PDB file of all heavy atoms in Angstrom:
ATOM      1  N   PHE A   1      60.420  60.659 -30.003  1.00  0.00           N
ATOM      2  CA  PHE A   1      59.544  61.641 -30.396  1.00  0.00           C
ATOM      3  C   PHE A   1      58.156  61.169 -30.470  1.00  0.00           C
ATOM      4  O   PHE A   1      57.922  60.067 -31.021  1.00  0.00           O
ATOM      5  CB  PHE A   1      60.043  62.097 -31.926  1.00  0.00           C
ATOM      6  CG  PHE A   1      61.387  62.697 -32.010  1.00  0.00           C
ATOM      7  CD1 PHE A   1      62.560  61.957 -32.251  1.00  0.00           C
ATOM      8  CD2 PHE A   1      61.538  64.072 -31.726  1.00  0.00           C
ATOM      9  CE1 PHE A   1      63.742  62.581 -32.304  1.00  0.00           C
ATOM     10  CE2 PHE A   1      62.661  64.695 -31.733  1.00  0.00           C
ATOM     11  CZ  PHE A   1      63.921  63.911 -32.146  1.00  0.00           C
ATOM     12  N   LEU A   2      57.154  61.915 -29.933  1.00  0.00           N
ATOM     13  CA  LEU A   2      55.767  61.572 -29.939  1.00  0.00           C
ATOM     14  C   LEU A   2      54.866  62.749 -29.794  1.00  0.00           C
ATOM     15  O   LEU A   2      55.272  63.776 -29.329  1.00  0.00           O
ATOM     16  CB  LEU A   2      55.643  60.550 -28.709  1.00  0.00           C
ATOM     17  CG  LEU A   2      55.781  60.987 -27.262  1.00  0.00           C
ATOM     18  CD1 LEU A   2      55.284  59.901 -26.324  1.00  0.00           C
ATOM     19  CD2 LEU A   2      57.257  61.306 -26.851  1.00  0.00           C
ATOM     20  N   PRO A   3      53.554  62.406 -30.081  1.00  0.00           N
ATOM     21  CA  PRO A   3      52.606  63.534 -29.917  1.00  0.00           C
ATOM     22  C   PRO A   3      52.585  63.948 -28.463  1.00  0.00           C
ATOM     23  O   PRO A   3      52.676  63.135 -27.531  1.00  0.00           O
ATOM     24  CB  PRO A   3      51.271  62.818 -30.347  1.00  0.00           C
ATOM     25  CG  PRO A   3      51.752  61.837 -31.252  1.00  0.00           C
ATOM     26  CD  PRO A   3      52.972  61.195 -30.651  1.00  0.00           C
ATOM     27  N   ILE A   4      52.418  65.261 -28.289  1.00  0.00           N
ATOM     28  CA  ILE A   4      52.397  65.849 -26.879  1.00  0.00           C
ATOM     29  C   ILE A   4      51.400  65.110 -25.998  1.00  0.00           C
ATOM     30  O   ILE A   4      51.568  65.057 -24.810  1.00  0.00           O
ATOM     31  CB  ILE A   4      52.173  67.348 -26.867  1.00  0.00           C
ATOM     32  CG1 ILE A   4      52.514  67.901 -25.582  1.00  0.00           C
ATOM     33  CG2 ILE A   4      50.884  67.704 -27.449  1.00  0.00           C
ATOM     34  CD1 ILE A   4      52.651  69.484 -25.652  1.00  0.00           C
ATOM     35  N   GLU A   5      50.266  64.831 -26.590  1.00  0.00           N
ATOM     36  CA  GLU A   5      49.133  64.174 -25.714  1.00  0.00           C
ATOM     37  C   GLU A   5      49.634  62.792 -25.217  1.00  0.00           C
ATOM     38  O   GLU A   5      49.138  62.267 -24.205  1.00  0.00           O
ATOM     39  CB  GLU A   5      48.000  63.895 -26.543  1.00  0.00           C
ATOM     40  CG  GLU A   5      47.223  65.164 -27.098  1.00  0.00           C
ATOM     41  CD  GLU A   5      47.820  65.688 -28.330  1.00  0.00           C
ATOM     42  OE1 GLU A   5      48.866  64.988 -29.007  1.00  0.00           O
ATOM     43  OE2 GLU A   5      47.572  66.767 -28.806  1.00  0.00           O
ATOM     44  N   GLU A   6      50.695  62.195 -25.792  1.00  0.00           N
ATOM     45  CA  GLU A   6      51.157  60.871 -25.301  1.00  0.00           C
ATOM     46  C   GLU A   6      52.448  61.019 -24.436  1.00  0.00           C
ATOM     47  O   GLU A   6      52.871  59.900 -23.837  1.00  0.00           O
ATOM     48  CB  GLU A   6      51.540  60.012 -26.566  1.00  0.00           C
ATOM     49  CG  GLU A   6      50.375  59.610 -27.520  1.00  0.00           C
ATOM     50  CD  GLU A   6      50.695  58.839 -28.621  1.00  0.00           C
ATOM     51  OE1 GLU A   6      51.768  58.323 -28.606  1.00  0.00           O
ATOM     52  OE2 GLU A   6      49.866  58.912 -29.713  1.00  0.00           O
ATOM     53  N   ALA A   7      52.948  62.183 -24.269  1.00  0.00           N
ATOM     54  CA  ALA A   7      54.047  62.312 -23.480  1.00  0.00           C
ATOM     55  C   ALA A   7      53.722  62.384 -21.979  1.00  0.00           C
ATOM     56  O   ALA A   7      53.016  63.185 -21.525  1.00  0.00           O
ATOM     57  CB  ALA A   7      54.749  63.721 -23.792  1.00  0.00           C
ATOM     58  N   LYS A   8      54.218  61.413 -21.157  1.00  0.00           N
ATOM     59  CA  LYS A   8      54.001  61.369 -19.788  1.00  0.00           C
ATOM     60  C   LYS A   8      55.350  61.115 -18.950  1.00  0.00           C
ATOM     61  O   LYS A   8      56.187  60.454 -19.296  1.00  0.00           O
ATOM     62  CB  LYS A   8      53.110  60.029 -19.483  1.00  0.00           C
ATOM     63  CG  LYS A   8      51.899  59.866 -20.415  1.00  0.00           C
ATOM     64  CD  LYS A   8      50.867  60.995 -20.089  1.00  0.00           C
ATOM     65  CE  LYS A   8      49.645  60.785 -20.922  1.00  0.00           C
ATOM     66  NZ  LYS A   8      48.790  61.946 -20.884  1.00  0.00           N
ATOM     67  N   VAL A   9      55.444  62.082 -17.946  1.00  0.00           N
ATOM     68  CA  VAL A   9      56.578  62.017 -17.058  1.00  0.00           C
ATOM     69  C   VAL A   9      56.298  61.340 -15.838  1.00  0.00           C
ATOM     70  O   VAL A   9      55.128  61.479 -15.148  1.00  0.00           O
ATOM     71  CB  VAL A   9      57.040  63.453 -16.700  1.00  0.00           C
ATOM     72  CG1 VAL A   9      58.212  63.444 -15.722  1.00  0.00           C
ATOM     73  CG2 VAL A   9      57.350  64.197 -17.953  1.00  0.00           C
ATOM     74  N   PRO A  10      57.077  60.285 -15.357  1.00  0.00           N
ATOM     75  CA  PRO A  10      56.765  59.489 -14.126  1.00  0.00           C
ATOM     76  C   PRO A  10      56.489  60.346 -12.891  1.00  0.00           C
ATOM     77  O   PRO A  10      56.974  61.461 -12.763  1.00  0.00           O
ATOM     78  CB  PRO A  10      57.994  58.771 -13.975  1.00  0.00           C
ATOM     79  CG  PRO A  10      58.648  58.538 -15.304  1.00  0.00           C
ATOM     80  CD  PRO A  10      58.260  59.908 -15.952  1.00  0.00           C
ATOM     81  N   PHE A  11      55.590  59.896 -12.060  1.00  0.00           N
ATOM     82  CA  PHE A  11      54.968  60.657 -10.865  1.00  0.00           C
ATOM     83  C   PHE A  11      56.203  61.008 -10.089  1.00  0.00           C
ATOM     84  O   PHE A  11      56.253  62.122  -9.430  1.00  0.00           O
ATOM     85  CB  PHE A  11      54.047  59.855 -10.161  1.00  0.00           C
ATOM     86  CG  PHE A  11      53.392  60.507  -9.090  1.00  0.00           C
ATOM     87  CD1 PHE A  11      52.258  61.165  -9.287  1.00  0.00           C
ATOM     88  CD2 PHE A  11      53.902  60.281  -7.787  1.00  0.00           C
ATOM     89  CE1 PHE A  11      51.629  61.981  -8.090  1.00  0.00           C
ATOM     90  CE2 PHE A  11      53.342  60.962  -6.618  1.00  0.00           C
ATOM     91  CZ  PHE A  11      52.212  61.706  -6.851  1.00  0.00           C
ATOM     92  N   MET A  12      57.251  60.168  -9.860  1.00  0.00           N
ATOM     93  CA  MET A  12      58.246  60.401  -8.887  1.00  0.00           C
ATOM     94  C   MET A  12      59.497  61.102  -9.442  1.00  0.00           C
ATOM     95  O   MET A  12      60.584  61.062  -8.933  1.00  0.00           O
ATOM     96  CB  MET A  12      58.576  59.090  -8.244  1.00  0.00           C
ATOM     97  CG  MET A  12      57.630  58.397  -7.474  1.00  0.00           C
ATOM     98  SD  MET A  12      56.923  59.449  -6.006  1.00  0.00           S
ATOM     99  CE  MET A  12      58.314  59.308  -4.859  1.00  0.00           C
ATOM    100  N   ASP A  13      59.294  61.722 -10.581  1.00  0.00           N
ATOM    101  CA  ASP A  13      60.414  62.425 -11.237  1.00  0.00           C
ATOM    102  C   ASP A  13      60.844  63.644 -10.242  1.00  0.00           C
ATOM    103  O   ASP A  13      60.046  64.441  -9.794  1.00  0.00           O
ATOM    104  CB  ASP A  13      60.028  62.961 -12.555  1.00  0.00           C
ATOM    105  CG  ASP A  13      61.190  63.494 -13.394  1.00  0.00           C
ATOM    106  OD1 ASP A  13      61.593  64.610 -13.105  1.00  0.00           O
ATOM    107  OD2 ASP A  13      61.833  62.812 -14.165  1.00  0.00           O
ATOM    108  N   ARG A  14      62.136  63.678 -10.066  1.00  0.00           N
ATOM    109  CA  ARG A  14      62.673  64.731  -9.111  1.00  0.00           C
ATOM    110  C   ARG A  14      62.527  66.148  -9.548  1.00  0.00           C
ATOM    111  O   ARG A  14      62.452  67.130  -8.830  1.00  0.00           O
ATOM    112  CB  ARG A  14      64.129  64.519  -8.798  1.00  0.00           C
ATOM    113  CG  ARG A  14      64.380  63.301  -8.031  1.00  0.00           C
ATOM    114  CD  ARG A  14      65.872  62.981  -7.676  1.00  0.00           C
ATOM    115  NE  ARG A  14      66.515  64.043  -7.028  1.00  0.00           N
ATOM    116  CZ  ARG A  14      66.703  63.966  -5.682  1.00  0.00           C
ATOM    117  NH1 ARG A  14      66.207  63.051  -4.951  1.00  0.00           N
ATOM    118  NH2 ARG A  14      67.345  64.951  -5.136  1.00  0.00           N
ATOM    119  N   GLY A  15      62.217  66.345 -10.906  1.00  0.00           N
ATOM    120  CA  GLY A  15      61.872  67.664 -11.387  1.00  0.00           C
ATOM    121  C   GLY A  15      60.597  68.143 -10.906  1.00  0.00           C
ATOM    122  O   GLY A  15      60.338  69.236 -10.516  1.00  0.00           O
ATOM    123  N   PHE A  16      59.608  67.183 -10.731  1.00  0.00           N
ATOM    124  CA  PHE A  16      58.324  67.478 -10.152  1.00  0.00           C
ATOM    125  C   PHE A  16      58.297  67.533  -8.691  1.00  0.00           C
ATOM    126  O   PHE A  16      57.715  68.428  -8.158  1.00  0.00           O
ATOM    127  CB  PHE A  16      57.360  66.323 -10.596  1.00  0.00           C
ATOM    128  CG  PHE A  16      55.942  66.403 -10.079  1.00  0.00           C
ATOM    129  CD1 PHE A  16      55.141  67.512 -10.300  1.00  0.00           C
ATOM    130  CD2 PHE A  16      55.532  65.426  -9.145  1.00  0.00           C
ATOM    131  CE1 PHE A  16      53.872  67.572  -9.684  1.00  0.00           C
ATOM    132  CE2 PHE A  16      54.180  65.568  -8.563  1.00  0.00           C
ATOM    133  CZ  PHE A  16      53.423  66.588  -8.866  1.00  0.00           C
ATOM    134  N   MET A  17      59.104  66.664  -8.047  1.00  0.00           N
ATOM    135  CA  MET A  17      59.085  66.720  -6.684  1.00  0.00           C
ATOM    136  C   MET A  17      59.963  67.786  -5.989  1.00  0.00           C
ATOM    137  O   MET A  17      59.606  68.460  -4.958  1.00  0.00           O
ATOM    138  CB  MET A  17      59.741  65.341  -6.103  1.00  0.00           C
ATOM    139  CG  MET A  17      58.892  64.090  -6.299  1.00  0.00           C
ATOM    140  SD  MET A  17      57.353  64.299  -5.459  1.00  0.00           S
ATOM    141  CE  MET A  17      56.407  62.941  -5.915  1.00  0.00           C
ATOM    142  N   PHE A  18      61.184  68.214  -6.592  1.00  0.00           N
ATOM    143  CA  PHE A  18      62.080  69.170  -6.015  1.00  0.00           C
ATOM    144  C   PHE A  18      62.410  70.250  -6.921  1.00  0.00           C
ATOM    145  O   PHE A  18      63.158  71.176  -6.485  1.00  0.00           O
ATOM    146  CB  PHE A  18      63.363  68.410  -5.672  1.00  0.00           C
ATOM    147  CG  PHE A  18      63.212  67.370  -4.590  1.00  0.00           C
ATOM    148  CD1 PHE A  18      63.572  66.075  -4.887  1.00  0.00           C
ATOM    149  CD2 PHE A  18      62.871  67.797  -3.285  1.00  0.00           C
ATOM    150  CE1 PHE A  18      63.288  65.133  -3.866  1.00  0.00           C
ATOM    151  CE2 PHE A  18      62.905  66.725  -2.275  1.00  0.00           C
ATOM    152  CZ  PHE A  18      63.045  65.518  -2.549  1.00  0.00           C
ATOM    153  N   GLY A  19      61.956  70.230  -8.205  1.00  0.00           N
ATOM    154  CA  GLY A  19      62.554  71.170  -9.124  1.00  0.00           C
ATOM    155  C   GLY A  19      64.092  70.841  -9.449  1.00  0.00           C
ATOM    156  O   GLY A  19      64.889  71.834  -9.653  1.00  0.00           O
ATOM    157  N   ASP A  20      64.366  69.646  -9.217  1.00  0.00           N
ATOM    158  CA  ASP A  20      65.778  69.195  -9.287  1.00  0.00           C
ATOM    159  C   ASP A  20      66.231  68.882 -10.745  1.00  0.00           C
ATOM    160  O   ASP A  20      66.133  67.845 -11.301  1.00  0.00           O
ATOM    161  CB  ASP A  20      65.974  67.958  -8.522  1.00  0.00           C
ATOM    162  CG  ASP A  20      67.262  67.443  -8.341  1.00  0.00           C
ATOM    163  OD1 ASP A  20      68.161  68.034  -8.823  1.00  0.00           O
ATOM    164  OD2 ASP A  20      67.598  66.256  -7.686  1.00  0.00           O
ATOM    165  N   GLY A  21      66.575  70.003 -11.421  1.00  0.00           N
ATOM    166  CA  GLY A  21      66.944  69.971 -12.821  1.00  0.00           C
ATOM    167  C   GLY A  21      67.252  71.393 -13.368  1.00  0.00           C
ATOM    168  O   GLY A  21      67.144  72.349 -12.650  1.00  0.00           O
ATOM    169  N   VAL A  22      67.657  71.316 -14.633  1.00  0.00           N
ATOM    170  CA  VAL A  22      68.018  72.621 -15.269  1.00  0.00           C
ATOM    171  C   VAL A  22      67.318  72.544 -16.659  1.00  0.00           C
ATOM    172  O   VAL A  22      66.807  71.610 -17.137  1.00  0.00           O
ATOM    173  CB  VAL A  22      69.551  72.648 -15.486  1.00  0.00           C
ATOM    174  CG1 VAL A  22      70.257  72.639 -14.164  1.00  0.00           C
ATOM    175  CG2 VAL A  22      70.135  71.694 -16.442  1.00  0.00           C
ATOM    176  N   TYR A  23      67.288  73.828 -17.277  1.00  0.00           N
ATOM    177  CA  TYR A  23      66.706  73.824 -18.598  1.00  0.00           C
ATOM    178  C   TYR A  23      67.416  74.778 -19.505  1.00  0.00           C
ATOM    179  O   TYR A  23      68.334  75.559 -18.953  1.00  0.00           O
ATOM    180  CB  TYR A  23      65.201  74.409 -18.525  1.00  0.00           C
ATOM    181  CG  TYR A  23      64.972  75.838 -18.110  1.00  0.00           C
ATOM    182  CD1 TYR A  23      64.728  76.765 -19.106  1.00  0.00           C
ATOM    183  CD2 TYR A  23      65.280  76.223 -16.847  1.00  0.00           C
ATOM    184  CE1 TYR A  23      64.564  78.112 -18.756  1.00  0.00           C
ATOM    185  CE2 TYR A  23      65.095  77.634 -16.452  1.00  0.00           C
ATOM    186  CZ  TYR A  23      64.764  78.497 -17.493  1.00  0.00           C
ATOM    187  OH  TYR A  23      64.545  79.828 -17.112  1.00  0.00           O
ATOM    188  N   GLU A  24      67.089  74.895 -20.689  1.00  0.00           N
ATOM    189  CA  GLU A  24      67.732  75.738 -21.702  1.00  0.00           C
ATOM    190  C   GLU A  24      66.676  76.040 -22.772  1.00  0.00           C
ATOM    191  O   GLU A  24      65.742  75.277 -23.002  1.00  0.00           O
ATOM    192  CB  GLU A  24      68.987  75.042 -22.249  1.00  0.00           C
ATOM    193  CG  GLU A  24      69.830  75.992 -23.136  1.00  0.00           C
ATOM    194  CD  GLU A  24      70.298  77.199 -22.359  1.00  0.00           C
ATOM    195  OE1 GLU A  24      71.078  77.038 -21.269  1.00  0.00           O
ATOM    196  OE2 GLU A  24      69.861  78.317 -22.726  1.00  0.00           O
ATOM    197  N   GLY A  25      66.927  77.118 -23.406  1.00  0.00           N
ATOM    198  CA  GLY A  25      66.075  77.623 -24.619  1.00  0.00           C
ATOM    199  C   GLY A  25      66.933  78.198 -25.674  1.00  0.00           C
ATOM    200  O   GLY A  25      67.694  78.984 -25.509  1.00  0.00           O
ATOM    201  N   VAL A  26      66.346  77.896 -26.842  1.00  0.00           N
ATOM    202  CA  VAL A  26      67.046  78.393 -28.132  1.00  0.00           C
ATOM    203  C   VAL A  26      66.112  78.905 -29.128  1.00  0.00           C
ATOM    204  O   VAL A  26      65.137  78.323 -29.314  1.00  0.00           O
ATOM    205  CB  VAL A  26      67.883  77.220 -28.765  1.00  0.00           C
ATOM    206  CG1 VAL A  26      68.694  77.706 -30.015  1.00  0.00           C
ATOM    207  CG2 VAL A  26      68.938  76.542 -27.790  1.00  0.00           C
ATOM    208  N   GLY A  27      66.572  80.160 -29.696  1.00  0.00           N
ATOM    209  CA  GLY A  27      65.676  80.725 -30.613  1.00  0.00           C
ATOM    210  C   GLY A  27      65.699  79.976 -31.936  1.00  0.00           C
ATOM    211  O   GLY A  27      66.883  79.421 -32.222  1.00  0.00           O
TER     212      GLY A  27
END
Protein backbone atom coordinates (compact mmCIF):
# COMPACT_ATOMS: atom_id res chain seq x y z
CA PHE A 1 0.00 0.00 0.00
CA LEU A 2 1.54 3.33 -1.03
CA PRO A 3 0.65 6.87 -2.14
CA ILE A 4 -0.49 6.94 -5.74
CA GLU A 5 2.40 9.27 -6.66
CA GLU A 6 4.87 6.54 -5.67
CA ALA A 7 3.16 3.69 -7.53
CA LYS A 8 5.20 2.68 -10.59
CA VAL A 9 4.56 -0.18 -13.00
CA PRO A 10 7.59 -1.65 -14.82
CA PHE A 11 8.02 -0.52 -18.42
CA MET A 12 7.88 -4.08 -19.82
CA ASP A 13 4.68 -5.08 -18.06
CA ARG A 14 2.53 -7.09 -20.47
CA GLY A 15 -0.54 -5.13 -19.47
CA PHE A 16 1.11 -2.07 -20.99
CA MET A 17 2.59 -3.89 -23.98
CA PHE A 18 -0.35 -6.15 -24.95
CA GLY A 19 -3.31 -5.40 -22.71
CA ASP A 20 -2.50 -8.90 -21.42
CA GLY A 21 -4.59 -8.96 -18.27
CA VAL A 22 -8.03 -8.76 -16.71
CA TYR A 23 -9.76 -6.43 -14.30
CA GLU A 24 -12.66 -6.23 -11.89
CA GLY A 25 -14.61 -3.51 -10.11
CA VAL A 26 -16.72 -3.56 -6.96
CA GLY A 27 -19.13 -0.99 -5.60
